[in-house]
Amino acid sequence: MITWNYRVFHDDDGEYVIREVFYADDGTILGCTAHAVEPIGRTLEELGQSIDEFKAALTLPLLTLQDMPAPTSTVEERLMQRRVSTAEARALLGLDDSESAPPTAEAPRTRKAS
């Protein structure tokens, strides 16, 4: 199970920012968010909890982007990975193509009035 927390980073430009850091089961760092994050909440209570989690990050050792592991693949390599077409996905899921066929003049889609 991947876990995460907030950590303070000292960036190359000298600024301190907070990022989310992700960990493997054994506690090793897998990576972090590319950009700094900010506290957020749907209620004042949630916002306060988010701020408390940010404060907890201040008690942990500082990190830098150089502390993060190197990516295992480049963006280009990830983009080139095999993709599945809609038809292949439907076949893999065992869905009947006739149920989702686009409407035609002979068989238009209908919707029940509410």
Foldseek 3Di string as FASTA:
>chain_A
DKDWAWAWEQEPVRDIAIWIWIADPVGDTAATDPDGDDQDDPDPVSSVVSVVRVVVNVVDDYHYRVSHDDDPDDPVVVVPPDDDDPVRVCVVVVHDCVVVPAADPVRHDDDDDD
